[in-house]
Amino acid sequence: MEQSKIDAVESNFHKLEDIKNSCESLIQKIGHLQVDLFNFPNAKLEKFLGKLNGALSGSHSEIVEVTSAYENEVYMPAKGMETFNSAQDEMDEKA
C-alpha cells in the first residue's frame, strides 16, 4: 500500500480514537454534573442529563465497535501488522 494511503488510514484511525475519547469525556462530565445536582437539585436538568447520558452511552458503544473494527480490519493491515484472534485460533485448532 502506498504511503499516502497508509497516512490517510492512520489519520482516520486517530480521529476515531479522538471521537471515542471525547465521548468518554462528555459522559464523565455529565456524571459529575449529575452528582453535583444532589446538592442543588433541578428536576428539568436531571431529566435532560439522564436522557443525554443514555444517548451518549449508546453512541459510545457504537463508536468503540467501529473503532475496534477499523483498527483490526483496516489500520493494522495497512501498517503491515497482523491481528490476532485467539478465539478463532482456538476454534481452528479444535476442528
N, C-alpha and C. Protein backbone atom coordinates (compact mmCIF):
# COMPACT_ATOMS: atom_id res chain seq x y z
N MET A 1 0.86 -1.18 0.00
CA MET A 1 0.00 0.00 0.00
C MET A 1 0.90 1.24 0.00
N GLU A 2 0.55 2.21 -0.81
CA GLU A 2 1.39 3.40 -0.89
C GLU A 2 1.28 4.24 0.38
N GLN A 3 2.32 4.99 0.64
CA GLN A 3 2.44 5.73 1.90
C GLN A 3 1.29 6.72 2.13
N SER A 4 0.80 7.37 1.09
CA SER A 4 -0.28 8.34 1.27
C SER A 4 -1.56 7.66 1.76
N LYS A 5 -1.82 6.43 1.28
CA LYS A 5 -2.99 5.69 1.75
C LYS A 5 -2.80 5.25 3.20
N ILE A 6 -1.60 4.83 3.54
CA ILE A 6 -1.30 4.44 4.92
C ILE A 6 -1.48 5.63 5.85
N ASP A 7 -1.00 6.79 5.42
CA ASP A 7 -1.16 8.01 6.22
C ASP A 7 -2.63 8.37 6.41
N ALA A 8 -3.42 8.22 5.36
CA ALA A 8 -4.85 8.52 5.45
C ALA A 8 -5.55 7.56 6.40
N VAL A 9 -5.22 6.28 6.32
CA VAL A 9 -5.80 5.28 7.22
C VAL A 9 -5.42 5.59 8.66
N GLU A 10 -4.15 5.92 8.87
CA GLU A 10 -3.68 6.24 10.22
C GLU A 10 -4.38 7.49 10.76
N SER A 11 -4.55 8.48 9.92
CA SER A 11 -5.24 9.71 10.32
C SER A 11 -6.69 9.42 10.70
N ASN A 12 -7.36 8.61 9.89
CA ASN A 12 -8.74 8.24 10.19
C ASN A 12 -8.84 7.49 11.51
N PHE A 13 -7.92 6.58 11.74
CA PHE A 13 -7.93 5.82 12.99
C PHE A 13 -7.75 6.74 14.20
N HIS A 14 -6.82 7.67 14.10
CA HIS A 14 -6.59 8.60 15.21
C HIS A 14 -7.80 9.51 15.44
N LYS A 15 -8.47 9.90 14.38
CA LYS A 15 -9.68 10.71 14.52
C LYS A 15 -10.79 9.92 15.19
N LEU A 16 -10.93 8.65 14.83
CA LEU A 16 -11.92 7.79 15.50
C LEU A 16 -11.62 7.67 16.99
N GLU A 17 -10.34 7.49 17.32
CA GLU A 17 -9.96 7.41 18.73
C GLU A 17 -10.26 8.72 19.45
N ASP A 18 -10.02 9.85 18.79
CA ASP A 18 -10.33 11.15 19.38
C ASP A 18 -11.83 11.28 19.65
N ILE A 19 -12.65 10.83 18.70
CA ILE A 19 -14.10 10.88 18.89
C ILE A 19 -14.49 10.02 20.08
N LYS A 20 -13.92 8.83 20.17
CA LYS A 20 -14.21 7.92 21.28
C LYS A 20 -13.82 8.56 22.61
N ASN A 21 -12.64 9.16 22.65
CA ASN A 21 -12.17 9.80 23.89
C ASN A 21 -13.03 11.01 24.25
N SER A 22 -13.45 11.78 23.27
CA SER A 22 -14.32 12.93 23.52
C SER A 22 -15.65 12.49 24.08
N CYS A 23 -16.20 11.41 23.54
CA CYS A 23 -17.46 10.89 24.03
C CYS A 23 -17.32 10.43 25.48
N GLU A 24 -16.22 9.74 25.79
CA GLU A 24 -15.96 9.31 27.17
C GLU A 24 -15.86 10.51 28.10
N SER A 25 -15.22 11.56 27.65
CA SER A 25 -15.08 12.77 28.45
C SER A 25 -16.44 13.41 28.71
N LEU A 26 -17.29 13.47 27.69
CA LEU A 26 -18.63 14.04 27.86
C LEU A 26 -19.44 13.22 28.87
N ILE A 27 -19.35 11.91 28.79
CA ILE A 27 -20.08 11.05 29.73
C ILE A 27 -19.60 11.30 31.15
N GLN A 28 -18.30 11.44 31.32
CA GLN A 28 -17.75 11.73 32.66
C GLN A 28 -18.23 13.08 33.17
N LYS A 29 -18.23 14.09 32.32
CA LYS A 29 -18.67 15.42 32.74
C LYS A 29 -20.14 15.44 33.10
N ILE A 30 -20.94 14.71 32.35
CA ILE A 30 -22.37 14.60 32.68
C ILE A 30 -22.52 13.94 34.04
N GLY A 31 -21.75 12.88 34.28
CA GLY A 31 -21.80 12.20 35.57
C GLY A 31 -21.44 13.11 36.72
N HIS A 32 -20.41 13.93 36.54
CA HIS A 32 -20.01 14.89 37.57
C HIS A 32 -21.12 15.89 37.85
N LEU A 33 -21.75 16.36 36.78
CA LEU A 33 -22.83 17.33 36.94
C LEU A 33 -24.03 16.68 37.64
N GLN A 34 -24.31 15.42 37.31
CA GLN A 34 -25.40 14.72 37.98
C GLN A 34 -25.13 14.59 39.48
N VAL A 35 -23.90 14.32 39.84
CA VAL A 35 -23.53 14.23 41.26
C VAL A 35 -23.67 15.60 41.92
N ASP A 36 -23.23 16.64 41.23
CA ASP A 36 -23.36 18.00 41.77
C ASP A 36 -24.82 18.36 42.03
N LEU A 37 -25.72 17.81 41.23
CA LEU A 37 -27.14 18.12 41.39
C LEU A 37 -27.76 17.49 42.64
N PHE A 38 -27.03 16.56 43.28
CA PHE A 38 -27.52 16.03 44.56
C PHE A 38 -27.60 17.15 45.59
N ASN A 39 -26.66 18.09 45.54
CA ASN A 39 -26.62 19.20 46.49
C ASN A 39 -27.59 20.32 46.12
N PHE A 40 -27.76 20.55 44.83
CA PHE A 40 -28.64 21.61 44.35
C PHE A 40 -29.55 21.05 43.26
N PRO A 41 -30.59 20.30 43.66
CA PRO A 41 -31.45 19.61 42.68
C PRO A 41 -32.14 20.54 41.70
N ASN A 42 -32.29 20.03 40.49
CA ASN A 42 -33.04 20.70 39.44
C ASN A 42 -33.64 19.59 38.57
N ALA A 43 -34.92 19.35 38.71
CA ALA A 43 -35.58 18.22 38.06
C ALA A 43 -35.45 18.25 36.54
N LYS A 44 -35.61 19.42 35.93
CA LYS A 44 -35.51 19.52 34.47
C LYS A 44 -34.11 19.15 33.99
N LEU A 45 -33.12 19.69 34.67
CA LEU A 45 -31.73 19.41 34.29
C LEU A 45 -31.39 17.94 34.53
N GLU A 46 -31.85 17.38 35.63
CA GLU A 46 -31.59 15.96 35.92
C GLU A 46 -32.20 15.08 34.84
N LYS A 47 -33.42 15.38 34.44
CA LYS A 47 -34.10 14.60 33.40
C LYS A 47 -33.34 14.70 32.08
N PHE A 48 -32.96 15.94 31.71
CA PHE A 48 -32.20 16.15 30.48
C PHE A 48 -30.88 15.39 30.50
N LEU A 49 -30.15 15.50 31.61
CA LEU A 49 -28.85 14.84 31.70
C LEU A 49 -28.99 13.32 31.65
N GLY A 50 -30.06 12.79 32.24
CA GLY A 50 -30.31 11.35 32.16
C GLY A 50 -30.51 10.88 30.73
N LYS A 51 -31.32 11.63 29.97
CA LYS A 51 -31.55 11.30 28.56
C LYS A 51 -30.26 11.43 27.76
N LEU A 52 -29.54 12.52 28.00
CA LEU A 52 -28.30 12.76 27.27
C LEU A 52 -27.27 11.67 27.56
N ASN A 53 -27.15 11.31 28.82
CA ASN A 53 -26.19 10.28 29.21
C ASN A 53 -26.53 8.94 28.55
N GLY A 54 -27.83 8.61 28.50
CA GLY A 54 -28.25 7.37 27.84
C GLY A 54 -27.92 7.37 26.36
N ALA A 55 -28.19 8.49 25.71
CA ALA A 55 -27.91 8.59 24.28
C ALA A 55 -26.41 8.51 24.00
N LEU A 56 -25.62 9.21 24.80
CA LEU A 56 -24.17 9.18 24.59
C LEU A 56 -23.59 7.81 24.89
N SER A 57 -24.14 7.13 25.89
CA SER A 57 -23.64 5.79 26.22
C SER A 57 -23.87 4.83 25.06
N GLY A 58 -25.06 4.91 24.45
CA GLY A 58 -25.33 4.08 23.28
C GLY A 58 -24.42 4.41 22.12
N SER A 59 -24.22 5.69 21.89
CA SER A 59 -23.32 6.12 20.81
C SER A 59 -21.89 5.68 21.10
N HIS A 60 -21.49 5.78 22.36
CA HIS A 60 -20.13 5.37 22.74
C HIS A 60 -19.90 3.91 22.41
N SER A 61 -20.87 3.07 22.70
CA SER A 61 -20.73 1.64 22.39
C SER A 61 -20.53 1.41 20.90
N GLU A 62 -21.28 2.12 20.09
CA GLU A 62 -21.14 2.00 18.64
C GLU A 62 -19.78 2.52 18.18
N ILE A 63 -19.35 3.63 18.74
CA ILE A 63 -18.05 4.21 18.37
C ILE A 63 -16.93 3.25 18.71
N VAL A 64 -17.00 2.61 19.88
CA VAL A 64 -15.99 1.64 20.29
C VAL A 64 -15.96 0.47 19.30
N GLU A 65 -17.13 -0.03 18.91
CA GLU A 65 -17.20 -1.14 17.94
C GLU A 65 -16.58 -0.75 16.60
N VAL A 66 -16.97 0.41 16.11
CA VAL A 66 -16.47 0.86 14.80
C VAL A 66 -14.96 1.09 14.85
N THR A 67 -14.50 1.70 15.92
CA THR A 67 -13.07 1.97 16.07
C THR A 67 -12.28 0.67 16.12
N SER A 68 -12.77 -0.28 16.89
CA SER A 68 -12.10 -1.57 17.00
C SER A 68 -12.08 -2.31 15.67
N ALA A 69 -13.21 -2.31 14.98
CA ALA A 69 -13.27 -2.97 13.67
C ALA A 69 -12.33 -2.29 12.68
N TYR A 70 -12.32 -0.97 12.66
CA TYR A 70 -11.43 -0.24 11.75
C TYR A 70 -9.97 -0.55 12.07
N GLU A 71 -9.66 -0.61 13.35
CA GLU A 71 -8.28 -0.92 13.76
C GLU A 71 -7.87 -2.30 13.26
N ASN A 72 -8.73 -3.29 13.47
CA ASN A 72 -8.39 -4.67 13.12
C ASN A 72 -8.47 -4.96 11.63
N GLU A 73 -9.42 -4.34 10.94
CA GLU A 73 -9.65 -4.66 9.53
C GLU A 73 -8.92 -3.75 8.55
N VAL A 74 -8.60 -2.52 8.99
CA VAL A 74 -8.00 -1.57 8.05
C VAL A 74 -6.65 -1.06 8.55
N TYR A 75 -6.62 -0.52 9.77
CA TYR A 75 -5.41 0.14 10.28
C TYR A 75 -4.24 -0.84 10.44
N MET A 76 -4.47 -1.92 11.17
CA MET A 76 -3.38 -2.88 11.40
C MET A 76 -2.85 -3.48 10.10
N PRO A 77 -3.73 -3.95 9.21
CA PRO A 77 -3.19 -4.46 7.93
C PRO A 77 -2.44 -3.40 7.12
N ALA A 78 -2.90 -2.15 7.17
CA ALA A 78 -2.21 -1.09 6.43
C ALA A 78 -0.82 -0.84 6.99
N LYS A 79 -0.68 -1.03 8.30
CA LYS A 79 0.63 -0.85 8.94
C LYS A 79 1.50 -2.10 8.80
N GLY A 80 0.96 -3.14 8.17
CA GLY A 80 1.73 -4.36 7.96
C GLY A 80 1.71 -5.28 9.16
N MET A 81 0.74 -5.08 10.05
CA MET A 81 0.65 -5.91 11.24
C MET A 81 -0.56 -6.83 11.12
N GLU A 82 -0.38 -8.06 11.59
CA GLU A 82 -1.49 -8.99 11.59
C GLU A 82 -2.25 -8.85 12.90
N THR A 83 -3.56 -9.02 12.82
CA THR A 83 -4.35 -9.02 14.04
C THR A 83 -4.46 -10.45 14.52
N PHE A 84 -4.60 -10.61 15.81
CA PHE A 84 -4.63 -11.93 16.41
C PHE A 84 -5.99 -12.15 17.04
N ASN A 85 -6.68 -13.17 16.57
CA ASN A 85 -7.98 -13.50 17.11
C ASN A 85 -7.85 -14.86 17.79
N SER A 86 -7.58 -14.84 19.09
CA SER A 86 -7.32 -16.07 19.81
C SER A 86 -8.53 -16.98 19.82
N ALA A 87 -9.72 -16.43 19.88
CA ALA A 87 -10.93 -17.26 19.88
C ALA A 87 -11.05 -18.02 18.56
N GLN A 88 -10.78 -17.35 17.46
CA GLN A 88 -10.84 -18.01 16.16
C GLN A 88 -9.76 -19.07 16.05
N ASP A 89 -8.55 -18.77 16.54
CA ASP A 89 -7.46 -19.74 16.50
C ASP A 89 -7.79 -20.98 17.31
N GLU A 90 -8.42 -20.81 18.48
CA GLU A 90 -8.80 -21.95 19.29
C GLU A 90 -9.82 -22.81 18.57
N MET A 91 -10.79 -22.17 17.89
CA MET A 91 -11.80 -22.94 17.15
C MET A 91 -11.13 -23.71 16.00
N ASP A 92 -10.16 -23.09 15.32
CA ASP A 92 -9.47 -23.74 14.23
C ASP A 92 -8.68 -24.94 14.73
N GLU A 93 -8.05 -24.82 15.90
CA GLU A 93 -7.27 -25.90 16.47
C GLU A 93 -8.14 -27.09 16.84
N LYS A 94 -9.35 -26.83 17.34
CA LYS A 94 -10.25 -27.90 17.76
C LYS A 94 -10.87 -28.63 16.57
N ALA A 95 -10.94 -27.95 15.43
CA ALA A 95 -11.60 -28.54 14.25
C ALA A 95 -10.73 -29.57 13.58
